[in-house]
Amino acid sequence: MHNRSVPKRITFLLPYFPPDVAADGQLFALLARELAARGHRVQVLTYRPRYQGLSERAPRQEMMGGVSVRRWWAPGGKSLWARALGAWWLMCSGMCRALFCRGTLIVPSSPPGLALAAWQLSLLGRRYVYVLHDIHPELGLALGALKPGAAAALVRLAGNLAMGRARAVVTLTEGMKQVALARCPRAFVEVQPNWVDLDAITPRPREPERGAPLIIQYSGNMGHLHDLEGLTRAAGRLAGVELHYVGRGVRLEEIKALARREQWNHVKFFDYRPLSELAASLGACDVAAIALSAGADRLAMPSKLQGILASGRPLLCLAGPDTELGALVDREAVGLTVKNPADTDEIAAAIERLRDPELRLAMGQRARRLAEDRYGVQRAADVYERLA
């Protein structure tokens, strides 16, 4: 039970926030609104919309669902120097902005500059909750996106400093908690999975015409965490199947190139949808695909999971059952798990099984019940309210 008699001041220091389409920003928007609805004074300090190269105009200051939102400029660019400048700017500007805000800060682990800003403010007596949505540099090293060296050492140092002085560290899984404690044994670490707005995202019945293709949808970031070539090849060779990719990411162009080269016209690509259209987008498929590359378990968890479950869609999970993600899907019987995301034959066999509408319906119903039991935003707000 939450205690509404003691209002608190809570400030989110975030790299992205709606109308930006970044999943983390959308999650924190839900949480901020729920905390504000409970009578807490909540504000968000963030930056202009710029995720994945998408830019939208947004007011520098506005009220959104009882939450005070303030935005300011941040540099862009993908070169090494541009990223270094961006990290430095986020740290310095974040520290200056948050310096004059009262109450508890809530800060995500990415980018590290914001965590360093919170750490520096803690030396002046400020308290903060550190949200570890992915663990770096371990994740970057495991996926080959980062090489051992000075940069990795600096990222590890930033994370250790942030964990060491945080009022609490929040991880998404038990495996991530163990990695965090191995890095910083003195940290107070609590597990809180991501959450979803169960009222906004509900199962939407889909009644395709007779003979219509089975639609498989992968929605979200197509990054280093997500091995999608096997899925693309499996869907590409099957008749009566359409594979829809919704979003952007570093692997988008290679997936598009593969589909063009093989002339798979039933592999289709769509841009990000705004948060207001998320429920309709998630419901526009028969099966939702989710992927987690080898080596990423215990270091990250796909943020799209809870939205898929709430939409009542069965999952095609490209992650081994020895991962927490694969084990969850298998244990709760909310989809089928493919142990090797590169095994085209195994993925194709799973897709063939998912052609059964009764199987999909049963899995989708269990998925919705699981979301209702564990992943409502109210449960997450209980935890963050206590930690703040």
Protein backbone atom coordinates (compact mmCIF):
# COMPACT_ATOMS: atom_id res chain seq x y z
CA MET A 1 0.00 0.00 0.00
CA HIS A 2 1.28 3.47 -0.78
CA ASN A 3 1.03 6.32 1.67
CA ARG A 4 -0.50 9.41 0.12
CA SER A 5 -0.30 11.42 3.35
CA VAL A 6 3.39 12.23 2.93
CA PRO A 7 3.96 13.98 -0.42
CA LYS A 8 7.51 13.93 -1.70
CA ARG A 9 9.55 15.91 -4.19
CA ILE A 10 10.82 13.68 -6.99
CA THR A 11 12.91 14.79 -9.96
CA PHE A 12 13.61 12.60 -12.99
CA LEU A 13 16.85 13.42 -14.80
CA LEU A 14 16.39 11.76 -18.20
CA PRO A 15 18.06 11.74 -21.63
CA TYR A 16 14.72 11.18 -23.43
CA PHE A 17 11.08 11.94 -22.69
CA PRO A 18 7.90 12.07 -24.84
CA PRO A 19 7.29 13.11 -27.52
CA ASP A 20 10.63 11.33 -28.02
CA VAL A 21 9.93 7.69 -28.94
CA ALA A 22 12.65 6.10 -26.77
CA ALA A 23 11.12 3.27 -24.76
CA ASP A 24 12.81 4.28 -21.49
CA GLY A 25 11.42 7.80 -21.78
CA GLN A 26 7.92 6.47 -22.30
CA LEU A 27 8.25 4.17 -19.29
CA PHE A 28 9.42 6.98 -17.03
CA ALA A 29 6.58 9.18 -18.31
CA LEU A 30 4.06 6.59 -17.07
CA LEU A 31 5.81 6.34 -13.73
CA ALA A 32 6.07 10.12 -13.30
CA ARG A 33 2.37 10.60 -14.00
CA GLU A 34 1.41 7.86 -11.54
CA LEU A 35 3.56 9.40 -8.80
CA ALA A 36 2.09 12.84 -9.52
CA ALA A 37 -1.43 11.38 -9.30
CA ARG A 38 -0.55 10.20 -5.79
CA GLY A 39 0.07 13.76 -4.69
CA HIS A 40 3.85 13.95 -5.05
CA ARG A 41 5.54 16.97 -6.59
CA VAL A 42 7.16 15.52 -9.70
CA GLN A 43 9.27 17.19 -12.32
CA VAL A 44 11.27 15.94 -15.29
CA LEU A 45 14.52 17.50 -16.48
CA THR A 46 15.28 16.32 -19.98
CA TYR A 47 16.41 17.31 -23.49
CA ARG A 48 14.94 18.14 -26.86
CA PRO A 49 13.48 15.16 -28.80
CA ARG A 50 16.25 13.53 -30.86
CA TYR A 51 16.11 9.73 -30.41
CA GLN A 52 17.33 7.66 -33.40
CA GLY A 53 17.57 10.82 -35.47
CA LEU A 54 13.90 11.67 -35.01
CA SER A 55 13.29 15.27 -34.01
CA GLU A 56 10.00 16.85 -33.00
CA ARG A 57 9.20 20.25 -31.65
CA ALA A 58 8.36 20.25 -27.96
CA PRO A 59 7.89 23.14 -25.52
CA ARG A 60 10.83 24.02 -23.35
CA GLN A 61 8.51 23.90 -20.37
CA GLU A 62 5.07 22.34 -19.94
CA MET A 63 2.80 20.38 -17.61
CA MET A 64 2.04 16.80 -18.67
CA GLY A 65 -0.39 14.85 -16.51
CA GLY A 66 0.52 16.80 -13.40
CA VAL A 67 4.26 16.52 -14.12
CA SER A 68 6.39 19.61 -14.69
CA VAL A 69 8.63 18.99 -17.72
CA ARG A 70 11.63 21.15 -18.62
CA ARG A 71 13.68 20.54 -21.75
CA TRP A 72 16.88 22.01 -23.10
CA TRP A 73 19.28 21.59 -25.96
CA ALA A 74 21.66 18.65 -26.35
CA PRO A 75 24.19 17.94 -29.12
CA GLY A 76 23.69 15.16 -31.65
CA GLY A 77 25.99 13.17 -33.91
CA LYS A 78 27.31 9.60 -34.03
CA SER A 79 31.07 10.10 -34.32
CA LEU A 80 33.35 9.32 -31.40
CA TRP A 81 33.98 13.01 -30.76
CA ALA A 82 30.27 13.83 -31.01
CA ARG A 83 29.42 11.13 -28.46
CA ALA A 84 32.19 12.33 -26.15
CA LEU A 85 30.90 15.90 -26.41
CA GLY A 86 27.37 14.66 -25.78
CA ALA A 87 28.41 12.73 -22.66
CA TRP A 88 30.26 15.74 -21.28
CA TRP A 89 27.35 18.06 -22.05
CA LEU A 90 24.76 15.77 -20.46
CA MET A 91 26.85 15.53 -17.29
CA CYS A 92 27.51 19.24 -16.96
CA SER A 93 24.09 20.51 -17.98
CA GLY A 94 22.32 17.82 -15.97
CA MET A 95 24.25 18.69 -12.85
CA CYS A 96 23.58 22.42 -13.25
CA ARG A 97 19.87 21.93 -13.85
CA ALA A 98 19.38 19.44 -11.02
CA LEU A 99 21.45 21.51 -8.59
CA PHE A 100 18.53 23.81 -7.84
CA CYS A 101 15.84 21.10 -7.62
CA ARG A 102 14.79 19.67 -4.30
CA GLY A 103 13.94 16.10 -3.38
CA THR A 104 15.14 12.74 -4.65
CA LEU A 105 16.61 12.34 -8.13
CA ILE A 106 15.75 9.33 -10.27
CA VAL A 107 18.51 8.75 -12.83
CA PRO A 108 18.94 5.99 -15.46
CA SER A 109 22.23 4.20 -16.11
CA SER A 110 22.47 5.42 -19.69
CA PRO A 111 24.13 7.68 -20.56
CA PRO A 112 26.82 7.48 -17.83
CA GLY A 113 27.15 11.27 -17.77
CA LEU A 114 23.80 11.70 -16.03
CA ALA A 115 24.78 9.19 -13.36
CA LEU A 116 28.01 11.09 -12.79
CA ALA A 117 25.98 14.29 -12.42
CA ALA A 118 23.88 12.61 -9.72
CA TRP A 119 27.03 11.29 -8.03
CA GLN A 120 28.56 14.76 -7.93
CA LEU A 121 25.35 16.20 -6.48
CA SER A 122 25.38 13.50 -3.80
CA LEU A 123 28.65 14.99 -2.54
CA LEU A 124 26.57 18.09 -1.79
CA GLY A 125 23.96 16.09 0.10
CA ARG A 126 21.51 15.22 -2.67
CA ARG A 127 20.08 11.71 -2.75
CA TYR A 128 19.24 9.70 -5.84
CA VAL A 129 17.89 6.38 -7.08
CA TYR A 130 20.02 4.81 -9.82
CA VAL A 131 18.01 2.79 -12.36
CA LEU A 132 20.20 0.15 -13.98
CA HIS A 133 18.36 -0.66 -17.23
CA ASP A 134 21.53 -2.10 -18.73
CA ILE A 135 24.98 -2.76 -17.32
CA HIS A 136 27.93 -1.15 -19.02
CA PRO A 137 30.68 -1.62 -20.05
CA GLU A 138 29.95 -5.34 -19.70
CA LEU A 139 27.07 -5.23 -22.18
CA GLY A 140 29.03 -3.33 -24.82
CA LEU A 141 32.01 -5.66 -24.40
CA ALA A 142 29.84 -8.79 -24.63
CA LEU A 143 28.22 -7.60 -27.85
CA GLY A 144 31.44 -6.37 -29.43
CA ALA A 145 30.21 -2.78 -29.54
CA LEU A 146 32.97 -1.67 -27.15
CA LYS A 147 36.58 -2.76 -26.90
CA PRO A 148 38.58 -3.19 -23.68
CA GLY A 149 40.60 -0.12 -22.86
CA ALA A 150 40.42 3.32 -21.34
CA ALA A 151 36.87 4.06 -22.51
CA ALA A 152 35.51 0.84 -20.98
CA ALA A 153 37.40 1.53 -17.75
CA LEU A 154 35.92 5.03 -17.51
CA VAL A 155 32.39 3.71 -18.06
CA ARG A 156 32.92 1.07 -15.37
CA LEU A 157 34.26 3.69 -12.96
CA ALA A 158 31.26 5.93 -13.58
CA GLY A 159 28.87 3.07 -12.88
CA ASN A 160 30.68 2.02 -9.71
CA LEU A 161 30.68 5.58 -8.39
CA ALA A 162 26.97 5.94 -9.15
CA MET A 163 26.04 2.65 -7.48
CA GLY A 164 28.21 3.32 -4.44
CA ARG A 165 26.47 6.54 -3.37
CA ALA A 166 22.93 5.84 -4.59
CA ARG A 167 20.10 5.69 -2.09
CA ALA A 168 19.08 2.58 -4.02
CA VAL A 169 20.02 0.80 -7.23
CA VAL A 170 17.11 -0.66 -9.22
CA THR A 171 17.70 -3.51 -11.68
CA LEU A 172 15.26 -5.24 -14.02
CA THR A 173 16.19 -8.86 -13.22
CA GLU A 174 17.79 -11.00 -10.52
CA GLY A 175 20.72 -11.70 -12.82
CA MET A 176 21.38 -7.99 -13.25
CA LYS A 177 21.20 -7.58 -9.47
CA GLN A 178 23.94 -10.18 -8.98
CA VAL A 179 26.19 -8.45 -11.53
CA ALA A 180 25.61 -5.09 -9.84
CA LEU A 181 26.45 -6.48 -6.39
CA ALA A 182 29.60 -8.12 -7.75
CA ARG A 183 30.64 -4.70 -9.05
CA CYS A 184 29.64 -2.78 -5.92
CA PRO A 185 29.01 -5.02 -2.88
CA ARG A 186 28.01 -2.11 -0.64
CA ALA A 187 25.17 -0.99 -2.91
CA PHE A 188 21.54 -1.46 -1.87
CA VAL A 189 20.02 -3.19 -4.91
CA GLU A 190 16.35 -3.93 -5.51
CA VAL A 191 14.74 -5.71 -8.47
CA GLN A 192 11.83 -3.97 -10.19
CA PRO A 193 10.90 -5.06 -13.72
CA ASN A 194 9.63 -2.56 -16.24
CA TRP A 195 5.96 -1.68 -16.20
CA VAL A 196 3.05 -0.92 -18.51
CA ASP A 197 -0.14 1.14 -18.55
CA LEU A 198 -2.74 -1.64 -18.44
CA ASP A 199 -5.55 0.80 -19.22
CA ALA A 200 -3.88 2.25 -22.31
CA ILE A 201 -2.62 -1.05 -23.74
CA THR A 202 -5.31 -3.72 -23.87
CA PRO A 203 -5.87 -6.77 -26.07
CA ARG A 204 -7.41 -5.75 -29.38
CA PRO A 205 -9.16 -8.59 -31.21
CA ARG A 206 -7.78 -9.15 -34.67
CA GLU A 207 -10.03 -10.88 -37.18
CA PRO A 208 -8.13 -11.21 -40.47
CA GLU A 209 -9.92 -12.31 -43.61
CA ARG A 210 -9.82 -15.96 -44.55
CA GLY A 211 -6.46 -16.76 -46.15
CA ALA A 212 -4.81 -13.61 -44.79
CA PRO A 213 -1.11 -13.98 -43.88
CA LEU A 214 0.14 -14.59 -40.36
CA ILE A 215 1.63 -11.26 -39.26
CA ILE A 216 4.72 -11.34 -37.06
CA GLN A 217 5.83 -7.99 -35.69
CA TYR A 218 9.11 -6.85 -34.22
CA SER A 219 8.60 -3.41 -32.71
CA GLY A 220 11.28 -1.19 -31.20
CA ASN A 221 15.00 -0.64 -31.41
CA MET A 222 16.98 -2.90 -33.76
CA GLY A 223 20.31 -2.66 -32.02
CA HIS A 224 23.29 -4.75 -30.98
CA LEU A 225 21.13 -6.56 -28.43
CA HIS A 226 18.92 -8.02 -31.11
CA ASP A 227 20.02 -10.78 -33.52
CA LEU A 228 17.31 -10.60 -36.18
CA GLU A 229 18.86 -12.12 -39.29
CA GLY A 230 17.59 -15.62 -38.48
CA LEU A 231 14.06 -14.30 -37.96
CA THR A 232 14.19 -12.43 -41.26
CA ARG A 233 15.42 -15.47 -43.18
CA ALA A 234 12.87 -17.78 -41.59
CA ALA A 235 9.93 -15.49 -42.32
CA GLY A 236 11.29 -14.71 -45.77
CA ARG A 237 11.15 -18.32 -46.91
CA LEU A 238 7.66 -19.10 -45.53
CA ALA A 239 4.50 -18.64 -47.56
CA GLY A 240 1.52 -17.05 -45.89
CA VAL A 241 3.64 -15.04 -43.45
CA GLU A 242 4.39 -11.32 -43.22
CA LEU A 243 7.16 -9.95 -41.03
CA HIS A 244 6.74 -6.34 -39.96
CA TYR A 245 9.62 -4.34 -38.48
CA VAL A 246 8.51 -1.19 -36.64
CA GLY A 247 11.28 1.16 -35.48
CA ARG A 248 14.90 1.99 -36.16
CA GLY A 249 18.37 1.03 -34.97
CA VAL A 250 21.92 0.21 -36.03
CA ARG A 251 20.83 -3.10 -37.60
CA LEU A 252 17.91 -1.72 -39.58
CA GLU A 253 19.85 -1.14 -42.80
CA GLU A 254 21.40 -4.61 -42.86
CA ILE A 255 17.95 -6.19 -42.38
CA LYS A 256 16.53 -4.02 -45.17
CA ALA A 257 19.45 -4.95 -47.43
CA LEU A 258 18.87 -8.66 -46.79
CA ALA A 259 15.15 -8.35 -47.63
CA ARG A 260 15.91 -6.40 -50.83
CA ARG A 261 18.61 -8.82 -51.93
CA GLU A 262 16.33 -11.83 -51.48
CA GLN A 263 13.30 -9.94 -52.87
CA TRP A 264 11.19 -10.74 -49.83
CA ASN A 265 8.36 -8.27 -50.33
CA HIS A 266 6.51 -9.75 -47.37
CA VAL A 267 9.21 -8.41 -45.03
CA LYS A 268 8.01 -4.87 -44.44
CA PHE A 269 9.37 -1.87 -42.59
CA PHE A 270 7.58 0.92 -40.71
CA ASP A 271 8.85 3.88 -38.71
CA TYR A 272 8.26 4.45 -35.02
CA ARG A 273 4.70 5.11 -33.92
CA PRO A 274 3.95 7.80 -31.31
CA LEU A 275 3.02 6.72 -27.80
CA SER A 276 -0.64 7.59 -28.45
CA GLU A 277 -0.72 4.92 -31.19
CA LEU A 278 1.27 2.24 -29.35
CA ALA A 279 -1.74 0.12 -28.37
CA ALA A 280 -3.00 0.02 -31.95
CA SER A 281 0.49 -0.77 -33.24
CA LEU A 282 1.04 -3.66 -30.81
CA GLY A 283 -2.37 -5.05 -31.71
CA ALA A 284 -1.71 -5.01 -35.46
CA CYS A 285 -0.12 -8.46 -35.49
CA ASP A 286 -0.77 -12.11 -34.68
CA VAL A 287 2.60 -12.79 -33.04
CA ALA A 288 5.07 -10.41 -31.40
CA ALA A 289 8.78 -11.18 -31.76
CA ILE A 290 11.30 -10.35 -29.05
CA ALA A 291 15.06 -10.94 -29.15
CA LEU A 292 18.03 -10.94 -26.79
CA SER A 293 21.46 -11.71 -28.19
CA ALA A 294 23.79 -14.25 -26.63
CA GLY A 295 25.89 -12.68 -23.89
CA ALA A 296 23.32 -10.01 -23.08
CA ASP A 297 21.47 -11.97 -20.39
CA ARG A 298 22.18 -10.71 -16.85
CA LEU A 299 23.13 -7.39 -18.44
CA ALA A 300 19.85 -6.15 -19.96
CA MET A 301 16.18 -6.99 -20.54
CA PRO A 302 14.10 -5.85 -23.54
CA SER A 303 11.81 -3.01 -22.47
CA LYS A 304 9.14 -4.02 -24.99
CA LEU A 305 8.23 -7.19 -23.05
CA GLN A 306 5.58 -5.70 -20.78
CA GLY A 307 3.77 -3.89 -23.59
CA ILE A 308 3.57 -7.09 -25.64
CA LEU A 309 2.18 -9.02 -22.68
CA ALA A 310 -0.42 -6.33 -21.98
CA SER A 311 -1.52 -6.39 -25.64
CA GLY A 312 -2.39 -10.07 -25.29
CA ARG A 313 -0.14 -11.25 -28.10
CA PRO A 314 1.87 -14.51 -27.99
CA LEU A 315 5.63 -14.15 -28.15
CA LEU A 316 8.17 -15.58 -30.54
CA CYS A 317 11.15 -15.30 -28.21
CA LEU A 318 14.64 -15.44 -29.72
CA ALA A 319 16.60 -16.15 -26.55
CA GLY A 320 17.67 -19.38 -24.93
CA PRO A 321 15.62 -20.93 -22.13
CA ASP A 322 18.70 -20.59 -19.90
CA THR A 323 18.17 -16.81 -20.02
CA GLU A 324 15.71 -15.11 -17.69
CA LEU A 325 13.72 -13.90 -20.70
CA GLY A 326 13.47 -17.36 -22.27
CA ALA A 327 12.74 -18.98 -18.91
CA LEU A 328 9.89 -16.52 -18.28
CA VAL A 329 8.29 -17.17 -21.67
CA ASP A 330 8.54 -20.95 -21.21
CA ARG A 331 7.45 -21.01 -17.57
CA GLU A 332 4.40 -18.83 -18.12
CA ALA A 333 3.56 -20.46 -21.49
CA VAL A 334 3.05 -17.08 -23.15
CA GLY A 335 4.93 -17.96 -26.34
CA LEU A 336 7.58 -20.14 -27.93
CA THR A 337 11.31 -19.80 -27.29
CA VAL A 338 14.01 -20.40 -29.89
CA LYS A 339 17.28 -21.21 -28.16
CA ASN A 340 19.49 -20.13 -31.06
CA PRO A 341 18.38 -16.85 -32.72
CA ALA A 342 20.50 -17.74 -35.77
CA ASP A 343 18.82 -21.14 -36.32
CA THR A 344 16.55 -20.43 -39.28
CA ASP A 345 15.02 -23.93 -39.26
CA GLU A 346 14.10 -23.76 -35.58
CA ILE A 347 12.56 -20.31 -36.00
CA ALA A 348 10.58 -21.46 -39.03
CA ALA A 349 9.31 -24.47 -37.07
CA ALA A 350 8.18 -22.20 -34.24
CA ILE A 351 6.35 -19.95 -36.71
CA GLU A 352 4.58 -22.97 -38.19
CA ARG A 353 3.36 -23.95 -34.72
CA LEU A 354 2.11 -20.41 -34.14
CA ARG A 355 -0.16 -20.62 -37.15
CA ASP A 356 -2.61 -22.42 -34.83
CA PRO A 357 -5.15 -19.74 -33.82
CA GLU A 358 -6.25 -21.61 -30.69
CA LEU A 359 -2.66 -21.86 -29.47
CA ARG A 360 -2.14 -18.13 -30.10
CA LEU A 361 -5.35 -17.25 -28.27
CA ALA A 362 -4.44 -19.29 -25.19
CA MET A 363 -0.92 -17.86 -25.07
CA GLY A 364 -2.24 -14.32 -25.54
CA GLN A 365 -4.74 -14.69 -22.72
CA ARG A 366 -2.02 -15.95 -20.38
CA ALA A 367 0.20 -13.05 -21.46
CA ARG A 368 -2.47 -10.50 -20.50
CA ARG A 369 -3.05 -12.15 -17.13
CA LEU A 370 0.69 -12.11 -16.45
CA ALA A 371 0.86 -8.39 -17.24
CA GLU A 372 -2.06 -7.70 -14.91
CA ASP A 373 -0.56 -9.77 -12.10
CA ARG A 374 3.00 -8.39 -12.19
CA TYR A 375 3.62 -5.44 -14.45
CA GLY A 376 1.09 -2.68 -13.83
CA VAL A 377 2.57 0.79 -13.39
CA GLN A 378 0.94 1.01 -9.94
CA ARG A 379 3.17 -1.81 -8.64
CA ALA A 380 6.28 -0.06 -9.94
CA ALA A 381 5.14 3.24 -8.42
CA ASP A 382 4.81 1.55 -5.01
CA VAL A 383 8.50 0.62 -5.18
CA TYR A 384 9.81 3.97 -6.44
CA GLU A 385 7.61 5.84 -3.99
CA ARG A 386 9.17 3.90 -1.11
CA LEU A 387 12.73 4.30 -2.39
CA ALA A 388 12.35 8.05 -2.93
